[in-house]
PDB file of N, CA and C in Angstrom:
ATOM      1  N   MET A   1     101.614 101.214  67.910  1.00  0.00           N
ATOM      2  CA  MET A   1     101.375 102.618  68.811  1.00  0.00           C
ATOM      3  C   MET A   1     102.541 102.452  69.287  1.00  0.00           C
ATOM      4  N   SER A   2     102.588 104.212  69.871  1.00  0.00           N
ATOM      5  CA  SER A   2     104.116 104.769  70.244  1.00  0.00           C
ATOM      6  C   SER A   2     103.636 104.443  72.275  1.00  0.00           C
ATOM      7  N   LYS A   3     104.514 104.318  72.912  1.00  0.00           N
ATOM      8  CA  LYS A   3     104.580 104.345  74.253  1.00  0.00           C
ATOM      9  C   LYS A   3     103.718 105.506  74.668  1.00  0.00           C
ATOM     10  N   ALA A   4     103.928 106.615  74.363  1.00  0.00           N
ATOM     11  CA  ALA A   4     103.271 107.658  74.793  1.00  0.00           C
ATOM     12  C   ALA A   4     101.477 107.766  74.442  1.00  0.00           C
ATOM     13  N   LEU A   5     101.219 107.421  73.481  1.00  0.00           N
ATOM     14  CA  LEU A   5     100.051 107.112  73.308  1.00  0.00           C
ATOM     15  C   LEU A   5      99.360 105.789  74.043  1.00  0.00           C
ATOM     16  N   LEU A   6     100.111 104.843  74.146  1.00  0.00           N
ATOM     17  CA  LEU A   6      99.442 103.523  75.337  1.00  0.00           C
ATOM     18  C   LEU A   6      99.390 104.306  76.570  1.00  0.00           C
ATOM     19  N   TRP A   7     100.307 104.962  76.805  1.00  0.00           N
ATOM     20  CA  TRP A   7     100.276 105.779  77.986  1.00  0.00           C
ATOM     21  C   TRP A   7      98.855 106.555  78.401  1.00  0.00           C
ATOM     22  N   GLY A   8      98.908 107.253  77.378  1.00  0.00           N
ATOM     23  CA  GLY A   8      97.748 108.183  77.669  1.00  0.00           C
ATOM     24  C   GLY A   8      96.470 107.493  77.677  1.00  0.00           C
ATOM     25  N   ILE A   9      96.380 106.243  77.075  1.00  0.00           N
ATOM     26  CA  ILE A   9      95.139 105.986  76.597  1.00  0.00           C
ATOM     27  C   ILE A   9      94.796 105.018  78.073  1.00  0.00           C
ATOM     28  N   GLY A  10      95.848 104.420  78.848  1.00  0.00           N
ATOM     29  CA  GLY A  10      95.842 103.918  80.319  1.00  0.00           C
ATOM     30  C   GLY A  10      95.384 104.926  80.982  1.00  0.00           C
ATOM     31  N   TRP A  11      95.679 106.142  80.933  1.00  0.00           N
ATOM     32  CA  TRP A  11      95.129 106.978  82.335  1.00  0.00           C
ATOM     33  C   TRP A  11      94.017 107.142  81.538  1.00  0.00           C
ATOM     34  N   ALA A  12      93.813 107.540  80.628  1.00  0.00           N
ATOM     35  CA  ALA A  12      92.195 107.979  80.191  1.00  0.00           C
ATOM     36  C   ALA A  12      91.146 106.748  80.668  1.00  0.00           C
ATOM     37  N   LEU A  13      91.677 105.478  80.369  1.00  0.00           N
ATOM     38  CA  LEU A  13      90.467 104.462  80.857  1.00  0.00           C
ATOM     39  C   LEU A  13      90.759 104.178  82.509  1.00  0.00           C
ATOM     40  N   VAL A  14      91.839 104.668  82.909  1.00  0.00           N
ATOM     41  CA  VAL A  14      91.642 104.923  84.725  1.00  0.00           C
ATOM     42  C   VAL A  14      90.939 105.539  85.265  1.00  0.00           C
ATOM     43  N   ALA A  15      90.959 107.233  84.459  1.00  0.00           N
ATOM     44  CA  ALA A  15      90.160 108.440  84.444  1.00  0.00           C
ATOM     45  C   ALA A  15      88.451 108.053  84.176  1.00  0.00           C
ATOM     46  N   LEU A  16      88.099 107.185  83.751  1.00  0.00           N
ATOM     47  CA  LEU A  16      86.916 106.804  83.504  1.00  0.00           C
ATOM     48  C   LEU A  16      86.629 105.587  84.167  1.00  0.00           C
ATOM     49  N   GLY A  17      87.264 105.292  84.951  1.00  0.00           N
ATOM     50  CA  GLY A  17      86.897 104.218  85.801  1.00  0.00           C
ATOM     51  C   GLY A  17      87.265 102.897  85.537  1.00  0.00           C
ATOM     52  N   ALA A  18      87.727 102.442  84.291  1.00  0.00           N
ATOM     53  CA  ALA A  18      88.013 101.137  84.159  1.00  0.00           C
ATOM     54  C   ALA A  18      89.630 100.727  84.609  1.00  0.00           C
ATOM     55  N   THR A  19      89.377 100.338  85.622  1.00  0.00           N
ATOM     56  CA  THR A  19      90.340  99.911  86.711  1.00  0.00           C
ATOM     57  C   THR A  19      90.584  98.619  87.063  1.00  0.00           C
ATOM     58  N   PRO A  20      91.849  97.993  86.983  1.00  0.00           N
ATOM     59  CA  PRO A  20      91.488  96.926  87.716  1.00  0.00           C
ATOM     60  C   PRO A  20      91.848  96.461  89.111  1.00  0.00           C
ATOM     61  N   ALA A  21      91.822  97.680  89.782  1.00  0.00           N
ATOM     62  CA  ALA A  21      92.369  97.791  90.944  1.00  0.00           C
ATOM     63  C   ALA A  21      91.308  96.791  92.175  1.00  0.00           C
ATOM     64  N   LEU A  22      91.712  96.393  93.155  1.00  0.00           N
ATOM     65  CA  LEU A  22      90.689  95.316  93.467  1.00  0.00           C
ATOM     66  C   LEU A  22      90.438  95.839  95.187  1.00  0.00           C
ATOM     67  N   ALA A  23      91.486  96.641  95.527  1.00  0.00           N
ATOM     68  CA  ALA A  23      91.281  97.598  97.012  1.00  0.00           C
ATOM     69  C   ALA A  23      89.948  98.441  96.424  1.00  0.00           C
ATOM     70  N   ASP A  24      89.620  98.492  97.843  1.00  0.00           N
ATOM     71  CA  ASP A  24      88.255  99.276  97.718  1.00  0.00           C
ATOM     72  C   ASP A  24      88.353 100.622  97.780  1.00  0.00           C
ATOM     73  N   LYS A  25      89.352 101.417  98.124  1.00  0.00           N
ATOM     74  CA  LYS A  25      89.431 102.996  97.812  1.00  0.00           C
ATOM     75  C   LYS A  25      90.951 103.441  97.822  1.00  0.00           C
ATOM     76  N   ILE A  26      91.327 104.398  96.920  1.00  0.00           N
ATOM     77  CA  ILE A  26      92.680 104.882  97.008  1.00  0.00           C
ATOM     78  C   ILE A  26      92.736 105.321  98.372  1.00  0.00           C
ATOM     79  N   ASP A  27      91.859 106.213  99.147  1.00  0.00           N
ATOM     80  CA  ASP A  27      92.271 106.901 100.709  1.00  0.00           C
ATOM     81  C   ASP A  27      93.411 105.994 101.413  1.00  0.00           C
ATOM     82  N   GLY A  28      93.783 106.569 102.305  1.00  0.00           N
ATOM     83  CA  GLY A  28      95.036 106.148 103.136  1.00  0.00           C
ATOM     84  C   GLY A  28      96.457 106.936 103.397  1.00  0.00           C
ATOM     85  N   ASP A  29      97.415 106.324 103.631  1.00  0.00           N
ATOM     86  CA  ASP A  29      98.694 106.683 103.382  1.00  0.00           C
ATOM     87  C   ASP A  29      99.502 106.103 102.818  1.00  0.00           C
ATOM     88  N   TRP A  30     100.314 106.613 102.158  1.00  0.00           N
ATOM     89  CA  TRP A  30     101.016 105.980 100.982  1.00  0.00           C
ATOM     90  C   TRP A  30     102.478 106.730 100.834  1.00  0.00           C
ATOM     91  N   CYS A  31     103.176 105.509 101.023  1.00  0.00           N
ATOM     92  CA  CYS A  31     104.694 105.696 101.193  1.00  0.00           C
ATOM     93  C   CYS A  31     105.889 105.315  99.848  1.00  0.00           C
ATOM     94  N   ALA A  32     106.563 106.183  99.551  1.00  0.00           N
ATOM     95  CA  ALA A  32     107.493 106.130  98.597  1.00  0.00           C
ATOM     96  C   ALA A  32     109.046 105.449  99.275  1.00  0.00           C
ATOM     97  N   SER A  33     109.657 104.590  98.357  1.00  0.00           N
ATOM     98  CA  SER A  33     110.963 104.113  99.295  1.00  0.00           C
ATOM     99  C   SER A  33     111.611 104.656  99.120  1.00  0.00           C
ATOM    100  N   ASP A  34     111.869 106.247  98.893  1.00  0.00           N
ATOM    101  CA  ASP A  34     113.031 107.005  99.730  1.00  0.00           C
ATOM    102  C   ASP A  34     112.482 107.731 100.901  1.00  0.00           C
ATOM    103  N   GLY A  35     111.224 107.379 101.594  1.00  0.00           N
ATOM    104  CA  GLY A  35     110.457 108.022 102.690  1.00  0.00           C
ATOM    105  C   GLY A  35     109.649 109.350 102.311  1.00  0.00           C
ATOM    106  N   ARG A  36     109.501 109.697 101.184  1.00  0.00           N
ATOM    107  CA  ARG A  36     108.284 110.571 101.270  1.00  0.00           C
ATOM    108  C   ARG A  36     106.890 109.649 101.533  1.00  0.00           C
ATOM    109  N   HIS A  37     105.747 110.486 101.921  1.00  0.00           N
ATOM    110  CA  HIS A  37     104.416 110.090 102.001  1.00  0.00           C
ATOM    111  C   HIS A  37     103.391 110.612 101.608  1.00  0.00           C
ATOM    112  N   PHE A  38     102.240 110.456 101.481  1.00  0.00           N
ATOM    113  CA  PHE A  38     101.185 111.109 101.477  1.00  0.00           C
ATOM    114  C   PHE A  38      99.882 111.058 101.839  1.00  0.00           C
ATOM    115  N   PHE A  39      98.641 111.432 102.469  1.00  0.00           N
ATOM    116  CA  PHE A  39      97.656 110.955 102.621  1.00  0.00           C
ATOM    117  C   PHE A  39      96.506 111.335 102.032  1.00  0.00           C
ATOM    118  N   ILE A  40      95.645 110.358 102.061  1.00  0.00           N
ATOM    119  CA  ILE A  40      94.430 110.840 100.710  1.00  0.00           C
ATOM    120  C   ILE A  40      93.154 110.489 101.744  1.00  0.00           C
ATOM    121  N   ASP A  41      92.188 111.593 101.933  1.00  0.00           N
ATOM    122  CA  ASP A  41      90.931 111.570 102.697  1.00  0.00           C
ATOM    123  C   ASP A  41      89.931 111.931 101.614  1.00  0.00           C
ATOM    124  N   GLY A  42      89.198 111.240 100.958  1.00  0.00           N
ATOM    125  CA  GLY A  42      88.402 111.662 100.167  1.00  0.00           C
ATOM    126  C   GLY A  42      89.214 112.705  98.974  1.00  0.00           C
ATOM    127  N   PRO A  43      88.067 113.862  98.906  1.00  0.00           N
ATOM    128  CA  PRO A  43      88.750 114.852  97.825  1.00  0.00           C
ATOM    129  C   PRO A  43      90.259 115.663  98.665  1.00  0.00           C
ATOM    130  N   LYS A  44      90.618 115.064  99.631  1.00  0.00           N
ATOM    131  CA  LYS A  44      91.277 115.942 100.080  1.00  0.00           C
ATOM    132  C   LYS A  44      92.970 115.363 100.474  1.00  0.00           C
ATOM    133  N   ILE A  45      93.718 115.890  99.834  1.00  0.00           N
ATOM    134  CA  ILE A  45      95.311 115.281 100.090  1.00  0.00           C
ATOM    135  C   ILE A  45      96.187 115.950 100.928  1.00  0.00           C
ATOM    136  N   VAL A  46      97.082 115.379 101.617  1.00  0.00           N
ATOM    137  CA  VAL A  46      98.216 116.363 102.399  1.00  0.00           C
ATOM    138  C   VAL A  46      99.348 115.319 101.599  1.00  0.00           C
ATOM    139  N   THR A  47      99.942 116.136 100.450  1.00  0.00           N
ATOM    140  CA  THR A  47     101.039 116.139  99.987  1.00  0.00           C
ATOM    141  C   THR A  47     102.297 115.806 100.551  1.00  0.00           C
ATOM    142  N   ASP A  48     103.151 115.143  99.825  1.00  0.00           N
ATOM    143  CA  ASP A  48     104.309 114.867 100.666  1.00  0.00           C
ATOM    144  C   ASP A  48     105.272 115.936 100.657  1.00  0.00           C
ATOM    145  N   ARG A  49     104.932 116.987 100.687  1.00  0.00           N
ATOM    146  CA  ARG A  49     105.705 118.281 101.157  1.00  0.00           C
ATOM    147  C   ARG A  49     105.017 118.909 101.977  1.00  0.00           C
ATOM    148  N   GLY A  50     103.810 118.035 102.476  1.00  0.00           N
ATOM    149  CA  GLY A  50     102.908 118.858 103.823  1.00  0.00           C
ATOM    150  C   GLY A  50     102.074 119.548 103.520  1.00  0.00           C
ATOM    151  N   GLN A  51     101.739 120.056 102.253  1.00  0.00           N
ATOM    152  CA  GLN A  51     100.448 120.812 101.920  1.00  0.00           C
ATOM    153  C   GLN A  51      98.995 120.311 101.777  1.00  0.00           C
ATOM    154  N   THR A  52      98.188 120.685 102.552  1.00  0.00           N
ATOM    155  CA  THR A  52      96.533 120.194 102.193  1.00  0.00           C
ATOM    156  C   THR A  52      96.128 120.646 101.105  1.00  0.00           C
ATOM    157  N   VAL A  53      95.642 119.883 100.215  1.00  0.00           N
ATOM    158  CA  VAL A  53      95.024 120.248  98.467  1.00  0.00           C
ATOM    159  C   VAL A  53      93.844 119.610  98.511  1.00  0.00           C
ATOM    160  N   GLN A  54      93.238 120.066  97.998  1.00  0.00           N
ATOM    161  CA  GLN A  54      91.593 119.420  97.573  1.00  0.00           C
ATOM    162  C   GLN A  54      91.943 119.061  96.291  1.00  0.00           C
ATOM    163  N   GLY A  55      91.743 117.756  95.688  1.00  0.00           N
ATOM    164  CA  GLY A  55      91.975 117.265  94.533  1.00  0.00           C
ATOM    165  C   GLY A  55      90.479 116.500  93.672  1.00  0.00           C
ATOM    166  N   ASP A  56      90.822 115.948  92.789  1.00  0.00           N
ATOM    167  CA  ASP A  56      89.786 115.442  92.209  1.00  0.00           C
ATOM    168  C   ASP A  56      89.840 113.676  92.265  1.00  0.00           C
ATOM    169  N   TYR A  57      88.584 113.727  93.280  1.00  0.00           N
ATOM    170  CA  TYR A  57      88.649 111.881  93.873  1.00  0.00           C
ATOM    171  C   TYR A  57      87.649 111.223  93.410  1.00  0.00           C
ATOM    172  N   ARG A  58      88.206 109.696  92.826  1.00  0.00           N
ATOM    173  CA  ARG A  58      87.514 108.680  92.633  1.00  0.00           C
ATOM    174  C   ARG A  58      88.229 107.673  93.260  1.00  0.00           C
ATOM    175  N   ARG A  59      87.247 106.533  93.480  1.00  0.00           N
ATOM    176  CA  ARG A  59      87.616 105.837  94.522  1.00  0.00           C
ATOM    177  C   ARG A  59      88.891 104.937  94.435  1.00  0.00           C
ATOM    178  N   HIS A  60      89.375 104.901  92.860  1.00  0.00           N
ATOM    179  CA  HIS A  60      90.587 104.396  92.718  1.00  0.00           C
ATOM    180  C   HIS A  60      91.527 105.070  91.956  1.00  0.00           C
ATOM    181  N   TYR A  61      91.353 106.271  91.716  1.00  0.00           N
ATOM    182  CA  TYR A  61      92.054 107.836  91.002  1.00  0.00           C
ATOM    183  C   TYR A  61      91.895 108.785  91.653  1.00  0.00           C
ATOM    184  N   PHE A  62      93.206 109.299  91.794  1.00  0.00           N
ATOM    185  CA  PHE A  62      92.956 110.639  92.424  1.00  0.00           C
ATOM    186  C   PHE A  62      93.919 111.720  91.871  1.00  0.00           C
ATOM    187  N   SER A  63      93.810 112.680  91.375  1.00  0.00           N
ATOM    188  CA  SER A  63      94.644 113.861  90.775  1.00  0.00           C
ATOM    189  C   SER A  63      94.481 115.015  91.336  1.00  0.00           C
ATOM    190  N   TYR A  64      95.805 115.794  91.526  1.00  0.00           N
ATOM    191  CA  TYR A  64      95.595 117.237  92.064  1.00  0.00           C
ATOM    192  C   TYR A  64      96.468 118.087  91.268  1.00  0.00           C
ATOM    193  N   ALA A  65      96.313 119.520  91.207  1.00  0.00           N
ATOM    194  CA  ALA A  65      97.520 120.278  90.684  1.00  0.00           C
ATOM    195  C   ALA A  65      98.581 121.025  91.906  1.00  0.00           C
ATOM    196  N   ILE A  66      99.906 120.825  91.976  1.00  0.00           N
ATOM    197  CA  ILE A  66     101.030 121.014  92.553  1.00  0.00           C
ATOM    198  C   ILE A  66     100.599 122.752  92.928  1.00  0.00           C
ATOM    199  N   PRO A  67     100.340 123.022  94.162  1.00  0.00           N
ATOM    200  CA  PRO A  67     100.217 124.517  94.471  1.00  0.00           C
ATOM    201  C   PRO A  67     101.608 124.991  94.869  1.00  0.00           C
ATOM    202  N   GLU A  68     101.265 126.340  94.678  1.00  0.00           N
ATOM    203  CA  GLU A  68     102.234 127.557  94.737  1.00  0.00           C
ATOM    204  C   GLU A  68     102.784 127.587  96.488  1.00  0.00           C
ATOM    205  N   PRO A  69     103.837 127.736  96.630  1.00  0.00           N
ATOM    206  CA  PRO A  69     105.174 128.283  96.018  1.00  0.00           C
ATOM    207  C   PRO A  69     106.066 127.289  95.387  1.00  0.00           C
ATOM    208  N   ALA A  70     105.784 126.248  95.501  1.00  0.00           N
ATOM    209  CA  ALA A  70     106.489 125.188  94.687  1.00  0.00           C
ATOM    210  C   ALA A  70     107.119 125.362  93.234  1.00  0.00           C
ATOM    211  N   ARG A  71     108.165 124.885  93.213  1.00  0.00           N
ATOM    212  CA  ARG A  71     108.720 125.202  91.728  1.00  0.00           C
ATOM    213  C   ARG A  71     108.073 125.001  90.737  1.00  0.00           C
ATOM    214  N   ASP A  72     107.331 123.611  90.682  1.00  0.00           N
ATOM    215  CA  ASP A  72     106.572 123.135  89.710  1.00  0.00           C
ATOM    216  C   ASP A  72     104.988 123.070  89.948  1.00  0.00           C
ATOM    217  N   ALA A  73     104.752 124.132  90.764  1.00  0.00           N
ATOM    218  CA  ALA A  73     103.459 124.651  90.877  1.00  0.00           C
ATOM    219  C   ALA A  73     102.614 124.100  89.314  1.00  0.00           C
ATOM    220  N   GLY A  74     101.317 124.177  89.540  1.00  0.00           N
ATOM    221  CA  GLY A  74     100.898 123.909  88.450  1.00  0.00           C
ATOM    222  C   GLY A  74     100.558 122.654  87.716  1.00  0.00           C
ATOM    223  N   GLN A  75     101.528 121.832  87.713  1.00  0.00           N
ATOM    224  CA  GLN A  75     101.550 120.348  87.220  1.00  0.00           C
ATOM    225  C   GLN A  75     100.579 119.487  88.070  1.00  0.00           C
ATOM    226  N   ILE A  76     100.004 118.754  87.124  1.00  0.00           N
ATOM    227  CA  ILE A  76      99.136 117.794  87.765  1.00  0.00           C
ATOM    228  C   ILE A  76      99.719 116.397  88.255  1.00  0.00           C
ATOM    229  N   VAL A  77      99.515 115.938  89.241  1.00  0.00           N
ATOM    230  CA  VAL A  77      99.824 114.898  89.814  1.00  0.00           C
ATOM    231  C   VAL A  77      98.636 113.817  89.574  1.00  0.00           C
ATOM    232  N   GLN A  78      98.925 112.755  89.079  1.00  0.00           N
ATOM    233  CA  GLN A  78      98.099 111.803  88.800  1.00  0.00           C
ATOM    234  C   GLN A  78      98.283 110.515  89.619  1.00  0.00           C
ATOM    235  N   MET A  79      97.072 109.882  90.116  1.00  0.00           N
ATOM    236  CA  MET A  79      97.367 108.228  90.855  1.00  0.00           C
ATOM    237  C   MET A  79      96.019 107.629  90.211  1.00  0.00           C
ATOM    238  N   ALA A  80      97.003 106.128  90.245  1.00  0.00           N
ATOM    239  CA  ALA A  80      96.049 105.225  89.908  1.00  0.00           C
ATOM    240  C   ALA A  80      96.457 104.067  90.814  1.00  0.00           C
ATOM    241  N   LEU A  81      95.007 103.787  91.411  1.00  0.00           N
ATOM    242  CA  LEU A  81      95.165 102.380  92.339  1.00  0.00           C
ATOM    243  C   LEU A  81      95.270 100.946  91.718  1.00  0.00           C
ATOM    244  N   LEU A  82      96.283 100.383  92.010  1.00  0.00           N
ATOM    245  CA  LEU A  82      96.351  99.156  91.149  1.00  0.00           C
ATOM    246  C   LEU A  82      95.933  98.201  91.870  1.00  0.00           C
ATOM    247  N   ASP A  83      96.100  97.802  93.546  1.00  0.00           N
ATOM    248  CA  ASP A  83      95.385  96.979  94.293  1.00  0.00           C
ATOM    249  C   ASP A  83      95.713  97.760  95.532  1.00  0.00           C
ATOM    250  N   GLU A  84      95.579  96.668  96.508  1.00  0.00           N
ATOM    251  CA  GLU A  84      95.341  96.694  97.857  1.00  0.00           C
ATOM    252  C   GLU A  84      96.565  97.702  98.398  1.00  0.00           C
ATOM    253  N   PHE A  85      97.453  97.312  97.853  1.00  0.00           N
ATOM    254  CA  PHE A  85      98.980  97.974  98.223  1.00  0.00           C
ATOM    255  C   PHE A  85      99.406  98.676  97.317  1.00  0.00           C
ATOM    256  N   ASP A  86      99.272  98.705  96.226  1.00  0.00           N
ATOM    257  CA  ASP A  86      99.981  99.679  95.134  1.00  0.00           C
ATOM    258  C   ASP A  86      99.141 101.226  94.334  1.00  0.00           C
ATOM    259  N   VAL A  87     100.005 102.063  94.279  1.00  0.00           N
ATOM    260  CA  VAL A  87      99.884 103.155  93.427  1.00  0.00           C
ATOM    261  C   VAL A  87     100.659 103.484  92.559  1.00  0.00           C
ATOM    262  N   ASP A  88     100.403 104.125  91.453  1.00  0.00           N
ATOM    263  CA  ASP A  88     101.179 104.594  90.591  1.00  0.00           C
ATOM    264  C   ASP A  88     100.963 105.998  90.581  1.00  0.00           C
ATOM    265  N   VAL A  89     102.132 106.823  90.721  1.00  0.00           N
ATOM    266  CA  VAL A  89     102.165 108.216  90.727  1.00  0.00           C
ATOM    267  C   VAL A  89     102.901 108.992  89.642  1.00  0.00           C
ATOM    268  N   LYS A  90     101.954 109.450  88.863  1.00  0.00           N
ATOM    269  CA  LYS A  90     102.964 110.423  87.926  1.00  0.00           C
ATOM    270  C   LYS A  90     102.437 111.861  88.098  1.00  0.00           C
ATOM    271  N   ALA A  91     103.867 112.420  88.119  1.00  0.00           N
ATOM    272  CA  ALA A  91     103.797 114.138  88.045  1.00  0.00           C
ATOM    273  C   ALA A  91     103.851 114.783  86.726  1.00  0.00           C
ATOM    274  N   GLY A  92     102.983 115.670  86.071  1.00  0.00           N
ATOM    275  CA  GLY A  92     103.603 115.936  85.227  1.00  0.00           C
ATOM    276  C   GLY A  92     104.235 115.294  83.963  1.00  0.00           C
ATOM    277  N   ASP A  93     105.306 115.623  83.488  1.00  0.00           N
ATOM    278  CA  ASP A  93     105.888 114.465  82.365  1.00  0.00           C
ATOM    279  C   ASP A  93     106.711 113.426  82.998  1.00  0.00           C
ATOM    280  N   THR A  94     106.867 113.386  84.633  1.00  0.00           N
ATOM    281  CA  THR A  94     107.918 112.780  84.799  1.00  0.00           C
ATOM    282  C   THR A  94     107.798 111.135  84.682  1.00  0.00           C
ATOM    283  N   ALA A  95     108.246 110.306  85.263  1.00  0.00           N
ATOM    284  CA  ALA A  95     108.402 108.952  85.003  1.00  0.00           C
ATOM    285  C   ALA A  95     107.056 108.638  86.552  1.00  0.00           C
ATOM    286  N   VAL A  96     106.752 107.344  86.023  1.00  0.00           N
ATOM    287  CA  VAL A  96     105.488 106.740  86.861  1.00  0.00           C
ATOM    288  C   VAL A  96     106.502 106.186  87.938  1.00  0.00           C
ATOM    289  N   GLU A  97     105.810 106.652  89.275  1.00  0.00           N
ATOM    290  CA  GLU A  97     106.672 105.812  90.308  1.00  0.00           C
ATOM    291  C   GLU A  97     105.462 105.007  90.878  1.00  0.00           C
ATOM    292  N   ARG A  98     106.025 103.922  91.417  1.00  0.00           N
ATOM    293  CA  ARG A  98     105.275 103.011  92.109  1.00  0.00           C
ATOM    294  C   ARG A  98     105.291 103.384  93.649  1.00  0.00           C
ATOM    295  N   TRP A  99     103.961 103.604  94.389  1.00  0.00           N
ATOM    296  CA  TRP A  99     104.033 103.658  95.677  1.00  0.00           C
ATOM    297  C   TRP A  99     103.392 102.777  96.760  1.00  0.00           C
ATOM    298  N   LYS A 100     103.611 102.311  97.802  1.00  0.00           N
ATOM    299  CA  LYS A 100     103.023 101.418  98.465  1.00  0.00           C
ATOM    300  C   LYS A 100     102.368 101.648  99.870  1.00  0.00           C
ATOM    301  N   ARG A 101     101.253 100.656 100.182  1.00  0.00           N
ATOM    302  CA  ARG A 101     100.419 101.602 101.649  1.00  0.00           C
ATOM    303  C   ARG A 101     101.932 101.308 102.601  1.00  0.00           C
ATOM    304  N   CYS A 102     101.601 102.693 103.274  1.00  0.00           N
ATOM    305  CA  CYS A 102     102.355 102.328 104.251  1.00  0.00           C
ATOM    306  C   CYS A 102     102.137 101.452 105.370  1.00  0.00           C
ATOM    307  N   SER A 103     103.417 100.984 105.979  1.00  0.00           N
ATOM    308  CA  SER A 103     103.140  99.748 106.854  1.00  0.00           C
ATOM    309  C   SER A 103     102.684 100.508 108.285  1.00  0.00           C
ATOM    310  N   PRO A 104     101.968  99.571 109.111  1.00  0.00           N
ATOM    311  CA  PRO A 104     101.161 100.060 110.481  1.00  0.00           C
ATOM    312  C   PRO A 104     102.293  99.958 111.448  1.00  0.00           C
ATOM    313  N   THR A 105     102.350 100.995 112.103  1.00  0.00           N
ATOM    314  CA  THR A 105     103.491 101.068 113.205  1.00  0.00           C
ATOM    315  C   THR A 105     102.550 100.134 114.330  1.00  0.00           C
ATOM    316  N   SER A 106     103.550  99.946 115.181  1.00  0.00           N
ATOM    317  CA  SER A 106     102.739  99.245 116.420  1.00  0.00           C
ATOM    318  C   SER A 106     103.337  99.663 117.761  1.00  0.00           C
TER     319      SER A 106
END
C-alpha cells in the first residue's frame, strides 16, 4: 500500500472516531516548537494567525478551512488528538506536524 493511501485511511478512521486518544478531548491551548499556538473551545478555534473560526469539532478531532485573506485560504487543516499531550496537525498537502499542549505558566 502506498504511504498516501495509508495516510488517507488513517485520517478516515480518525474522522469516524476510531482514534487511540486517551485524553478527554482536543479542547485547549496547543503549541508548536517554533512558538505558534492555537486554542480550541468546542467548535471554535483561535488559529495560530489569531483568527477565530468555526470548525468541525469531535472530541478527538478538529478541522477547519483556512479563512481569507490568507494566501492559503480554503485549505483544510485537520487535527487528530493522539494522547493527553500530543496532537497531529496537517494543513492541505503539507507534512504532518506534532504539536504539544502548552505548558501552564505560574
